[in-house]
Amino acid sequence: MNVATLTVLLWGLLGVVKTRTIERAEKMEPRTTWHLAMNLNPSDGHMMSYTVGWTDDVFIGTHAEALTNDYLNRLVWRHPVSYIAIVRHHAGEVDAVKVFRFKESDRSMLSRFNATDPGREVVTEGGPLQVSVSNHAQNMDEDTIFSVGGDLAFNWIYTNNGHRVVMTGGHLSTVDSNDDKTRGLGNDLQCNPKTGVSIKKWASEVLNIASGYFYLLGTDFGAGWKELGRSGRGSFGNYAIFVSEEANSFPGPGYKLGLTVEAESKPWFDWHGGEVIWSGWYILY
């Protein structure tokens, strides 16, 4: 395809827009593979709290039980990625999914979670690219990821509290407060969130949005609550984190997950001063 033909194609697709000279256009297959980076089971006896796993740079769990127990793939965790999907599932069957685009595409999950000073970083932009929820999904009004909107924020730190993954549409405690009201994935309500030191007494894997002590989910939480006679609610499901370089859509409810997931990559356009850059199936440079 020559420059003139491609320019006409872009005009035909988009109407009258300002274009620029394209020196070379190379056809490529879209990289549409999602890789399982982490799985959280809040009732498997292993607590992936704020201080466990996220920055340890170790492999956690096994491939065979990757979608039934806590799991972290160290190789995937160290690889730069552009998209993230948070998938609530039951034994590998998708219940609900949200897909986001990271603001920065040259960073790995490990580097993002290591950024704890000052932390409190909103890492995605534009809100979710996709929200898919099963008609049979339960407790969606209390789910820490799916009951609120906004973008993803990592390392939400305030006084002696830390939460690894939160939604900006939920309650975000101010940096100098100690209200214990933020909810998310990978939590600790009594730690040094910048150094990762904790006695794990008030740590938990998943906290939901419910009021009172009903926010404890599953069985994987610290002894502090157990000493008070508190018990967690039944798990809403596992939470899997998939990442990708290019895939920006994810299979919906009912899909059976694996360590990798193939999905159709939907083309999108970046606008820079009225210029159009195709970044789906063509690379322009």
C-alpha atoms as a PDB file:
ATOM      1  CA  MET A   1       0.000   0.000   0.000  1.00  0.00           C
ATOM      2  CA  ASN A   2       1.532   3.326  -1.045  1.00  0.00           C
ATOM      3  CA  VAL A   3       1.304   6.649   0.774  1.00  0.00           C
ATOM      4  CA  ALA A   4      -1.428   8.061  -1.440  1.00  0.00           C
ATOM      5  CA  THR A   5      -3.651   4.999  -1.069  1.00  0.00           C
ATOM      6  CA  LEU A   6      -3.287   4.929   2.708  1.00  0.00           C
ATOM      7  CA  THR A   7      -4.048   8.633   2.962  1.00  0.00           C
ATOM      8  CA  VAL A   8      -7.254   8.152   0.953  1.00  0.00           C
ATOM      9  CA  LEU A   9      -8.210   5.217   3.154  1.00  0.00           C
ATOM     10  CA  LEU A  10      -7.809   7.289   6.296  1.00  0.00           C
ATOM     11  CA  TRP A  11      -9.908  10.097   4.797  1.00  0.00           C
ATOM     12  CA  GLY A  12     -12.567   7.612   3.807  1.00  0.00           C
ATOM     13  CA  LEU A  13     -12.698   6.099   7.283  1.00  0.00           C
ATOM     14  CA  LEU A  14     -12.711   9.306   9.248  1.00  0.00           C
ATOM     15  CA  GLY A  15     -14.156  11.988   7.020  1.00  0.00           C
ATOM     16  CA  VAL A  16     -12.440  15.330   6.516  1.00  0.00           C
ATOM     17  CA  VAL A  17      -9.520  15.410   8.950  1.00  0.00           C
ATOM     18  CA  LYS A  18      -6.100  16.944   8.924  1.00  0.00           C
ATOM     19  CA  THR A  19      -3.483  14.406   7.774  1.00  0.00           C
ATOM     20  CA  ARG A  20       0.275  14.264   7.589  1.00  0.00           C
ATOM     21  CA  THR A  21       2.757  12.552   5.286  1.00  0.00           C
ATOM     22  CA  ILE A  22       3.280   8.909   6.197  1.00  0.00           C
ATOM     23  CA  GLU A  23       6.726   7.752   5.182  1.00  0.00           C
ATOM     24  CA  ARG A  24       6.097   4.050   5.666  1.00  0.00           C
ATOM     25  CA  ALA A  25       3.179   1.896   6.756  1.00  0.00           C
ATOM     26  CA  GLU A  26       3.854  -1.678   7.807  1.00  0.00           C
ATOM     27  CA  LYS A  27       1.051  -4.229   8.129  1.00  0.00           C
ATOM     28  CA  MET A  28       1.266  -6.293  11.301  1.00  0.00           C
ATOM     29  CA  GLU A  29      -0.867  -8.809  13.138  1.00  0.00           C
ATOM     30  CA  PRO A  30      -2.356  -7.283  16.300  1.00  0.00           C
ATOM     31  CA  ARG A  31      -0.749  -8.663  19.454  1.00  0.00           C
ATOM     32  CA  THR A  32      -3.934  -9.764  21.111  1.00  0.00           C
ATOM     33  CA  THR A  33      -2.704 -12.016  23.886  1.00  0.00           C
ATOM     34  CA  TRP A  34      -3.546 -11.414  27.535  1.00  0.00           C
ATOM     35  CA  HIS A  35      -1.222 -12.967  30.121  1.00  0.00           C
ATOM     36  CA  LEU A  36      -2.277 -13.924  33.631  1.00  0.00           C
ATOM     37  CA  ALA A  37      -0.117 -11.877  35.968  1.00  0.00           C
ATOM     38  CA  MET A  38      -1.850 -12.468  39.309  1.00  0.00           C
ATOM     39  CA  ASN A  39      -4.783 -14.289  40.846  1.00  0.00           C
ATOM     40  CA  LEU A  40      -6.292 -13.519  44.236  1.00  0.00           C
ATOM     41  CA  ASN A  41      -8.384 -16.077  46.084  1.00  0.00           C
ATOM     42  CA  PRO A  42      -9.453 -14.452  49.363  1.00  0.00           C
ATOM     43  CA  SER A  43     -10.206 -17.844  50.933  1.00  0.00           C
ATOM     44  CA  ASP A  44      -7.258 -20.105  50.048  1.00  0.00           C
ATOM     45  CA  GLY A  45      -5.279 -19.757  53.301  1.00  0.00           C
ATOM     46  CA  HIS A  46      -2.584 -17.552  51.738  1.00  0.00           C
ATOM     47  CA  MET A  47      -3.008 -13.821  52.307  1.00  0.00           C
ATOM     48  CA  MET A  48      -1.809 -11.593  49.457  1.00  0.00           C
ATOM     49  CA  SER A  49      -2.021  -8.419  51.528  1.00  0.00           C
ATOM     50  CA  TYR A  50      -0.371  -5.052  50.889  1.00  0.00           C
ATOM     51  CA  THR A  51       3.070  -6.339  51.911  1.00  0.00           C
ATOM     52  CA  VAL A  52       2.966  -9.795  50.318  1.00  0.00           C
ATOM     53  CA  GLY A  53       3.753 -10.540  46.682  1.00  0.00           C
ATOM     54  CA  TRP A  54       3.242  -7.226  44.925  1.00  0.00           C
ATOM     55  CA  THR A  55       6.892  -6.091  45.171  1.00  0.00           C
ATOM     56  CA  ASP A  56       8.693  -9.282  46.246  1.00  0.00           C
ATOM     57  CA  ASP A  57       9.774 -10.215  42.691  1.00  0.00           C
ATOM     58  CA  VAL A  58       9.088 -13.906  43.302  1.00  0.00           C
ATOM     59  CA  PHE A  59       6.869 -16.559  41.728  1.00  0.00           C
ATOM     60  CA  ILE A  60       3.838 -17.388  43.890  1.00  0.00           C
ATOM     61  CA  GLY A  61       1.684 -20.490  43.475  1.00  0.00           C
ATOM     62  CA  THR A  62       1.677 -22.985  40.616  1.00  0.00           C
ATOM     63  CA  HIS A  63       0.507 -22.938  37.015  1.00  0.00           C
ATOM     64  CA  ALA A  64      -1.832 -25.849  37.740  1.00  0.00           C
ATOM     65  CA  GLU A  65      -3.659 -23.898  40.470  1.00  0.00           C
ATOM     66  CA  ALA A  66      -3.201 -20.444  38.987  1.00  0.00           C
ATOM     67  CA  LEU A  67      -6.939 -19.757  38.774  1.00  0.00           C
ATOM     68  CA  THR A  68      -7.984 -21.396  42.031  1.00  0.00           C
ATOM     69  CA  ASN A  69      -5.365 -20.139  44.509  1.00  0.00           C
ATOM     70  CA  ASP A  70      -3.173 -17.082  44.961  1.00  0.00           C
ATOM     71  CA  TYR A  71      -0.755 -16.792  42.063  1.00  0.00           C
ATOM     72  CA  LEU A  72       1.836 -14.386  40.688  1.00  0.00           C
ATOM     73  CA  ASN A  73       3.847 -14.940  37.517  1.00  0.00           C
ATOM     74  CA  ARG A  74       7.175 -13.218  38.084  1.00  0.00           C
ATOM     75  CA  LEU A  75       8.064 -13.066  34.378  1.00  0.00           C
ATOM     76  CA  VAL A  76       4.785 -11.414  33.407  1.00  0.00           C
ATOM     77  CA  TRP A  77       5.012  -9.096  36.420  1.00  0.00           C
ATOM     78  CA  ARG A  78       8.394  -7.804  35.181  1.00  0.00           C
ATOM     79  CA  HIS A  79       7.311  -7.141  31.574  1.00  0.00           C
ATOM     80  CA  PRO A  80       6.245  -3.662  30.337  1.00  0.00           C
ATOM     81  CA  VAL A  81       2.530  -3.594  29.508  1.00  0.00           C
ATOM     82  CA  SER A  82      -0.034  -1.127  28.175  1.00  0.00           C
ATOM     83  CA  TYR A  83      -3.376  -2.675  29.190  1.00  0.00           C
ATOM     84  CA  ILE A  84      -4.797  -4.324  32.281  1.00  0.00           C
ATOM     85  CA  ALA A  85      -7.942  -6.409  32.781  1.00  0.00           C
ATOM     86  CA  ILE A  86      -9.334  -7.178  36.220  1.00  0.00           C
ATOM     87  CA  VAL A  87     -11.490 -10.268  36.001  1.00  0.00           C
ATOM     88  CA  ARG A  88     -13.773 -11.603  38.720  1.00  0.00           C
ATOM     89  CA  HIS A  89     -14.275 -15.305  38.131  1.00  0.00           C
ATOM     90  CA  HIS A  90     -15.405 -18.576  39.662  1.00  0.00           C
ATOM     91  CA  ALA A  91     -13.035 -21.492  39.073  1.00  0.00           C
ATOM     92  CA  GLY A  92     -11.842 -19.808  35.891  1.00  0.00           C
ATOM     93  CA  GLU A  93     -15.250 -18.858  34.489  1.00  0.00           C
ATOM     94  CA  VAL A  94     -15.597 -15.114  33.909  1.00  0.00           C
ATOM     95  CA  ASP A  95     -18.184 -13.378  36.089  1.00  0.00           C
ATOM     96  CA  ALA A  96     -17.232  -9.753  35.397  1.00  0.00           C
ATOM     97  CA  VAL A  97     -14.381  -7.894  33.725  1.00  0.00           C
ATOM     98  CA  LYS A  98     -13.041  -4.343  33.467  1.00  0.00           C
ATOM     99  CA  VAL A  99     -10.352  -3.330  30.970  1.00  0.00           C
ATOM    100  CA  PHE A 100      -8.169  -0.203  31.317  1.00  0.00           C
ATOM    101  CA  ARG A 101      -5.368   1.472  29.410  1.00  0.00           C
ATOM    102  CA  PHE A 102      -2.279   2.477  31.393  1.00  0.00           C
ATOM    103  CA  LYS A 103      -1.074   6.066  31.134  1.00  0.00           C
ATOM    104  CA  GLU A 104       2.468   4.776  30.592  1.00  0.00           C
ATOM    105  CA  SER A 105       3.170   1.781  28.391  1.00  0.00           C
ATOM    106  CA  ASP A 106       6.868   1.312  29.173  1.00  0.00           C
ATOM    107  CA  ARG A 107       6.470   0.180  32.780  1.00  0.00           C
ATOM    108  CA  SER A 108       6.004  -3.236  34.305  1.00  0.00           C
ATOM    109  CA  MET A 109       3.602  -4.142  37.093  1.00  0.00           C
ATOM    110  CA  LEU A 110       6.588  -4.593  39.399  1.00  0.00           C
ATOM    111  CA  SER A 111       7.863  -1.076  38.718  1.00  0.00           C
ATOM    112  CA  ARG A 112       4.414   0.403  39.260  1.00  0.00           C
ATOM    113  CA  PHE A 113       3.911  -1.283  42.613  1.00  0.00           C
ATOM    114  CA  ASN A 114       7.443  -0.403  43.714  1.00  0.00           C
ATOM    115  CA  ALA A 115       6.528   3.300  43.391  1.00  0.00           C
ATOM    116  CA  THR A 116       5.372   3.720  46.990  1.00  0.00           C
ATOM    117  CA  ASP A 117       6.995   7.055  47.794  1.00  0.00           C
ATOM    118  CA  PRO A 118       4.751   8.957  47.600  1.00  0.00           C
ATOM    119  CA  GLY A 119       2.471   6.319  46.009  1.00  0.00           C
ATOM    120  CA  ARG A 120      -1.186   7.277  45.485  1.00  0.00           C
ATOM    121  CA  GLU A 121      -0.755   7.075  41.712  1.00  0.00           C
ATOM    122  CA  VAL A 122      -3.677   7.032  39.280  1.00  0.00           C
ATOM    123  CA  VAL A 123      -2.201   4.681  36.685  1.00  0.00           C
ATOM    124  CA  THR A 124      -4.926   4.426  34.021  1.00  0.00           C
ATOM    125  CA  GLU A 125      -6.724   7.089  32.012  1.00  0.00           C
ATOM    126  CA  GLY A 126     -10.142   7.642  30.508  1.00  0.00           C
ATOM    127  CA  GLY A 127     -11.967   5.162  32.700  1.00  0.00           C
ATOM    128  CA  PRO A 128     -12.625   1.555  31.682  1.00  0.00           C
ATOM    129  CA  LEU A 129     -12.463   0.652  27.998  1.00  0.00           C
ATOM    130  CA  GLN A 130     -14.766  -2.272  28.694  1.00  0.00           C
ATOM    131  CA  VAL A 131     -17.121  -3.315  31.482  1.00  0.00           C
ATOM    132  CA  SER A 132     -18.794  -6.704  31.097  1.00  0.00           C
ATOM    133  CA  VAL A 133     -20.879  -8.247  33.891  1.00  0.00           C
ATOM    134  CA  SER A 134     -22.831 -11.475  33.967  1.00  0.00           C
ATOM    135  CA  ASN A 135     -26.589 -11.222  34.445  1.00  0.00           C
ATOM    136  CA  HIS A 136     -26.130 -13.731  37.260  1.00  0.00           C
ATOM    137  CA  ALA A 137     -23.288 -11.930  39.076  1.00  0.00           C
ATOM    138  CA  GLN A 138     -23.921 -11.503  42.796  1.00  0.00           C
ATOM    139  CA  ASN A 139     -23.037  -8.668  45.218  1.00  0.00           C
ATOM    140  CA  MET A 140     -22.077  -6.259  42.455  1.00  0.00           C
ATOM    141  CA  ASP A 141     -23.264  -3.273  44.507  1.00  0.00           C
ATOM    142  CA  GLU A 142     -20.578  -4.024  47.113  1.00  0.00           C
ATOM    143  CA  ASP A 143     -17.721  -5.211  44.923  1.00  0.00           C
ATOM    144  CA  THR A 144     -14.572  -3.148  45.447  1.00  0.00           C
ATOM    145  CA  ILE A 145     -13.809  -3.068  41.691  1.00  0.00           C
ATOM    146  CA  PHE A 146     -17.198  -3.299  40.000  1.00  0.00           C
ATOM    147  CA  SER A 147     -19.505  -1.269  42.257  1.00  0.00           C
ATOM    148  CA  VAL A 148     -17.763   2.060  41.566  1.00  0.00           C
ATOM    149  CA  GLY A 149     -16.421   3.878  38.519  1.00  0.00           C
ATOM    150  CA  GLY A 150     -13.321   5.815  37.629  1.00  0.00           C
ATOM    151  CA  ASP A 151      -9.771   4.709  36.953  1.00  0.00           C
ATOM    152  CA  LEU A 152      -7.346   2.424  38.745  1.00  0.00           C
ATOM    153  CA  ALA A 153      -4.981   3.788  41.370  1.00  0.00           C
ATOM    154  CA  PHE A 154      -2.050   1.850  42.798  1.00  0.00           C
ATOM    155  CA  ASN A 155      -0.403   2.075  46.216  1.00  0.00           C
ATOM    156  CA  TRP A 156      -3.067   4.191  47.900  1.00  0.00           C
ATOM    157  CA  ILE A 157      -1.149   5.231  51.019  1.00  0.00           C
ATOM    158  CA  TYR A 158      -2.383   7.245  54.009  1.00  0.00           C
ATOM    159  CA  THR A 159      -0.764   7.377  57.465  1.00  0.00           C
ATOM    160  CA  ASN A 160      -0.224   3.700  58.412  1.00  0.00           C
ATOM    161  CA  ASN A 161      -2.565   2.257  55.773  1.00  0.00           C
ATOM    162  CA  GLY A 162      -1.902   0.862  52.320  1.00  0.00           C
ATOM    163  CA  HIS A 163      -4.027  -0.544  49.477  1.00  0.00           C
ATOM    164  CA  ARG A 164      -2.414  -1.899  46.322  1.00  0.00           C
ATOM    165  CA  VAL A 165      -5.342  -1.535  43.877  1.00  0.00           C
ATOM    166  CA  VAL A 166      -8.301   0.819  44.306  1.00  0.00           C
ATOM    167  CA  MET A 167     -10.872   2.506  42.111  1.00  0.00           C
ATOM    168  CA  THR A 168     -10.844   6.311  42.004  1.00  0.00           C
ATOM    169  CA  GLY A 169     -14.648   6.301  42.127  1.00  0.00           C
ATOM    170  CA  GLY A 170     -14.559   4.791  45.611  1.00  0.00           C
ATOM    171  CA  HIS A 171     -13.589   6.392  48.917  1.00  0.00           C
ATOM    172  CA  LEU A 172      -9.992   7.635  48.693  1.00  0.00           C
ATOM    173  CA  SER A 173      -8.697   8.590  52.131  1.00  0.00           C
ATOM    174  CA  THR A 174      -6.612  11.772  52.301  1.00  0.00           C
ATOM    175  CA  VAL A 175      -2.906  11.325  52.881  1.00  0.00           C
ATOM    176  CA  ASP A 176      -2.993  12.504  56.506  1.00  0.00           C
ATOM    177  CA  SER A 177      -6.201  10.721  57.566  1.00  0.00           C
ATOM    178  CA  ASN A 178      -6.509   7.457  59.454  1.00  0.00           C
ATOM    179  CA  ASP A 179     -10.144   6.655  58.736  1.00  0.00           C
ATOM    180  CA  ASP A 180      -9.601   3.083  57.449  1.00  0.00           C
ATOM    181  CA  LYS A 181     -12.310   3.639  54.836  1.00  0.00           C
ATOM    182  CA  THR A 182     -10.526   2.959  51.561  1.00  0.00           C
ATOM    183  CA  ARG A 183     -11.304  -0.457  50.049  1.00  0.00           C
ATOM    184  CA  GLY A 184      -9.395  -2.443  47.481  1.00  0.00           C
ATOM    185  CA  LEU A 185      -7.167  -5.393  46.648  1.00  0.00           C
ATOM    186  CA  GLY A 186      -4.069  -6.037  48.746  1.00  0.00           C
ATOM    187  CA  ASN A 187      -4.780  -4.154  51.980  1.00  0.00           C
ATOM    188  CA  ASP A 188      -3.141  -3.407  55.308  1.00  0.00           C
ATOM    189  CA  LEU A 189      -4.607  -1.058  57.907  1.00  0.00           C
ATOM    190  CA  GLN A 190      -1.542  -1.059  60.169  1.00  0.00           C
ATOM    191  CA  CYS A 191       1.767  -1.015  58.351  1.00  0.00           C
ATOM    192  CA  ASN A 192       4.512   1.212  57.016  1.00  0.00           C
ATOM    193  CA  PRO A 193       3.172   1.454  53.456  1.00  0.00           C
ATOM    194  CA  LYS A 194       6.350   3.016  52.044  1.00  0.00           C
ATOM    195  CA  THR A 195       8.733   0.335  53.341  1.00  0.00           C
ATOM    196  CA  GLY A 196       6.323  -2.609  53.283  1.00  0.00           C
ATOM    197  CA  VAL A 197       6.878  -3.518  56.931  1.00  0.00           C
ATOM    198  CA  SER A 198       3.837  -4.963  58.716  1.00  0.00           C
ATOM    199  CA  ILE A 199       2.837  -7.246  61.554  1.00  0.00           C
ATOM    200  CA  LYS A 200      -0.078  -8.309  59.286  1.00  0.00           C
ATOM    201  CA  LYS A 201      -2.542  -8.157  62.183  1.00  0.00           C
ATOM    202  CA  TRP A 202      -4.899  -5.858  60.265  1.00  0.00           C
ATOM    203  CA  ALA A 203      -4.018  -7.021  56.758  1.00  0.00           C
ATOM    204  CA  SER A 204      -6.409  -8.487  54.207  1.00  0.00           C
ATOM    205  CA  GLU A 205      -6.512  -9.650  50.620  1.00  0.00           C
ATOM    206  CA  VAL A 206      -9.845  -8.165  49.500  1.00  0.00           C
ATOM    207  CA  LEU A 207     -12.062  -5.570  51.183  1.00  0.00           C
ATOM    208  CA  ASN A 208     -15.491  -4.855  49.757  1.00  0.00           C
ATOM    209  CA  ILE A 209     -17.560  -1.685  49.911  1.00  0.00           C
ATOM    210  CA  ALA A 210     -20.071  -2.801  52.579  1.00  0.00           C
ATOM    211  CA  SER A 211     -20.359  -0.782  55.777  1.00  0.00           C
ATOM    212  CA  GLY A 212     -19.284  -1.918  59.233  1.00  0.00           C
ATOM    213  CA  TYR A 213     -17.309  -5.127  59.550  1.00  0.00           C
ATOM    214  CA  PHE A 214     -19.158  -6.657  56.635  1.00  0.00           C
ATOM    215  CA  TYR A 215     -16.339  -5.355  54.409  1.00  0.00           C
ATOM    216  CA  LEU A 216     -14.184  -8.370  55.323  1.00  0.00           C
ATOM    217  CA  LEU A 217     -14.292 -10.827  52.444  1.00  0.00           C
ATOM    218  CA  GLY A 218     -13.354 -14.483  52.551  1.00  0.00           C
ATOM    219  CA  THR A 219     -11.033 -15.922  55.206  1.00  0.00           C
ATOM    220  CA  ASP A 220      -7.674 -14.391  54.295  1.00  0.00           C
ATOM    221  CA  PHE A 221      -7.335 -11.510  56.736  1.00  0.00           C
ATOM    222  CA  GLY A 222      -5.265 -10.721  59.824  1.00  0.00           C
ATOM    223  CA  ALA A 223      -5.540 -11.997  63.380  1.00  0.00           C
ATOM    224  CA  GLY A 224      -6.673  -8.616  64.701  1.00  0.00           C
ATOM    225  CA  TRP A 225     -10.186  -9.069  63.361  1.00  0.00           C
ATOM    226  CA  LYS A 226     -10.252 -12.729  64.346  1.00  0.00           C
ATOM    227  CA  GLU A 227      -9.326 -11.842  67.939  1.00  0.00           C
ATOM    228  CA  LEU A 228     -12.372  -9.569  67.962  1.00  0.00           C
ATOM    229  CA  GLY A 229     -14.546 -12.436  66.790  1.00  0.00           C
ATOM    230  CA  ARG A 230     -15.057 -10.985  63.323  1.00  0.00           C
ATOM    231  CA  SER A 231     -15.582 -13.274  60.359  1.00  0.00           C
ATOM    232  CA  GLY A 232     -15.491 -12.577  56.652  1.00  0.00           C
ATOM    233  CA  ARG A 233     -18.370 -12.875  54.262  1.00  0.00           C
ATOM    234  CA  GLY A 234     -18.403 -15.549  51.614  1.00  0.00           C
ATOM    235  CA  SER A 235     -16.059 -14.788  48.760  1.00  0.00           C
ATOM    236  CA  PHE A 236     -17.498 -12.954  45.747  1.00  0.00           C
ATOM    237  CA  GLY A 237     -15.069 -14.958  43.607  1.00  0.00           C
ATOM    238  CA  ASN A 238     -11.414 -14.855  42.594  1.00  0.00           C
ATOM    239  CA  TYR A 239      -9.864 -11.695  41.154  1.00  0.00           C
ATOM    240  CA  ALA A 240      -7.467 -12.276  38.274  1.00  0.00           C
ATOM    241  CA  ILE A 241      -5.204  -9.592  36.837  1.00  0.00           C
ATOM    242  CA  PHE A 242      -4.382 -10.033  33.154  1.00  0.00           C
ATOM    243  CA  VAL A 243      -2.017  -7.702  31.265  1.00  0.00           C
ATOM    244  CA  SER A 244      -1.189  -7.136  27.615  1.00  0.00           C
ATOM    245  CA  GLU A 245       0.934  -5.025  25.322  1.00  0.00           C
ATOM    246  CA  GLU A 246      -1.789  -4.471  22.727  1.00  0.00           C
ATOM    247  CA  ALA A 247      -5.060  -6.275  23.508  1.00  0.00           C
ATOM    248  CA  ASN A 248      -7.707  -3.770  24.618  1.00  0.00           C
ATOM    249  CA  SER A 249     -10.785  -5.992  24.881  1.00  0.00           C
ATOM    250  CA  PHE A 250     -11.449  -9.139  26.876  1.00  0.00           C
ATOM    251  CA  PRO A 251     -13.855 -12.083  26.498  1.00  0.00           C
ATOM    252  CA  GLY A 252     -17.043 -11.601  28.479  1.00  0.00           C
ATOM    253  CA  PRO A 253     -18.987 -13.551  31.116  1.00  0.00           C
ATOM    254  CA  GLY A 254     -18.987 -17.314  30.761  1.00  0.00           C
ATOM    255  CA  TYR A 255     -15.570 -17.466  29.101  1.00  0.00           C
ATOM    256  CA  LYS A 256     -13.213 -20.108  30.536  1.00  0.00           C
ATOM    257  CA  LEU A 257      -9.886 -18.569  31.458  1.00  0.00           C
ATOM    258  CA  GLY A 258      -6.391 -19.941  30.970  1.00  0.00           C
ATOM    259  CA  LEU A 259      -2.887 -18.686  31.659  1.00  0.00           C
ATOM    260  CA  THR A 260      -3.210 -16.806  28.378  1.00  0.00           C
ATOM    261  CA  VAL A 261      -6.325 -15.428  26.709  1.00  0.00           C
ATOM    262  CA  GLU A 262      -6.674 -14.494  23.071  1.00  0.00           C
ATOM    263  CA  ALA A 263      -8.956 -11.564  22.321  1.00  0.00           C
ATOM    264  CA  GLU A 264      -9.768  -9.339  19.377  1.00  0.00           C
ATOM    265  CA  SER A 265      -7.823  -6.098  19.550  1.00  0.00           C
ATOM    266  CA  LYS A 266     -10.017  -3.155  18.674  1.00  0.00           C
ATOM    267  CA  PRO A 267      -8.279  -0.384  16.698  1.00  0.00           C
ATOM    268  CA  TRP A 268      -8.203   3.081  18.204  1.00  0.00           C
ATOM    269  CA  PHE A 269      -6.909   6.464  17.148  1.00  0.00           C
ATOM    270  CA  ASP A 270      -4.640   8.967  18.841  1.00  0.00           C
ATOM    271  CA  TRP A 271      -5.253  12.607  17.987  1.00  0.00           C
ATOM    272  CA  HIS A 272      -2.332  15.021  18.125  1.00  0.00           C
ATOM    273  CA  GLY A 273      -3.200  18.534  17.015  1.00  0.00           C
ATOM    274  CA  GLY A 274      -5.731  17.195  14.528  1.00  0.00           C
ATOM    275  CA  GLU A 275      -3.344  14.610  13.074  1.00  0.00           C
ATOM    276  CA  VAL A 276      -4.443  11.016  12.930  1.00  0.00           C
ATOM    277  CA  ILE A 277      -2.168   8.144  13.916  1.00  0.00           C
ATOM    278  CA  TRP A 278      -3.501   4.644  13.335  1.00  0.00           C
ATOM    279  CA  SER A 279      -2.330   2.394  16.146  1.00  0.00           C
ATOM    280  CA  GLY A 280      -4.419  -0.710  15.769  1.00  0.00           C
ATOM    281  CA  TRP A 281      -3.324  -2.853  12.817  1.00  0.00           C
ATOM    282  CA  TYR A 282      -0.873  -0.431  11.238  1.00  0.00           C
ATOM    283  CA  ILE A 283       2.269   1.127  12.655  1.00  0.00           C
ATOM    284  CA  LEU A 284       3.095   4.461  11.101  1.00  0.00           C
ATOM    285  CA  TYR A 285       6.598   5.853  11.292  1.00  0.00           C
END
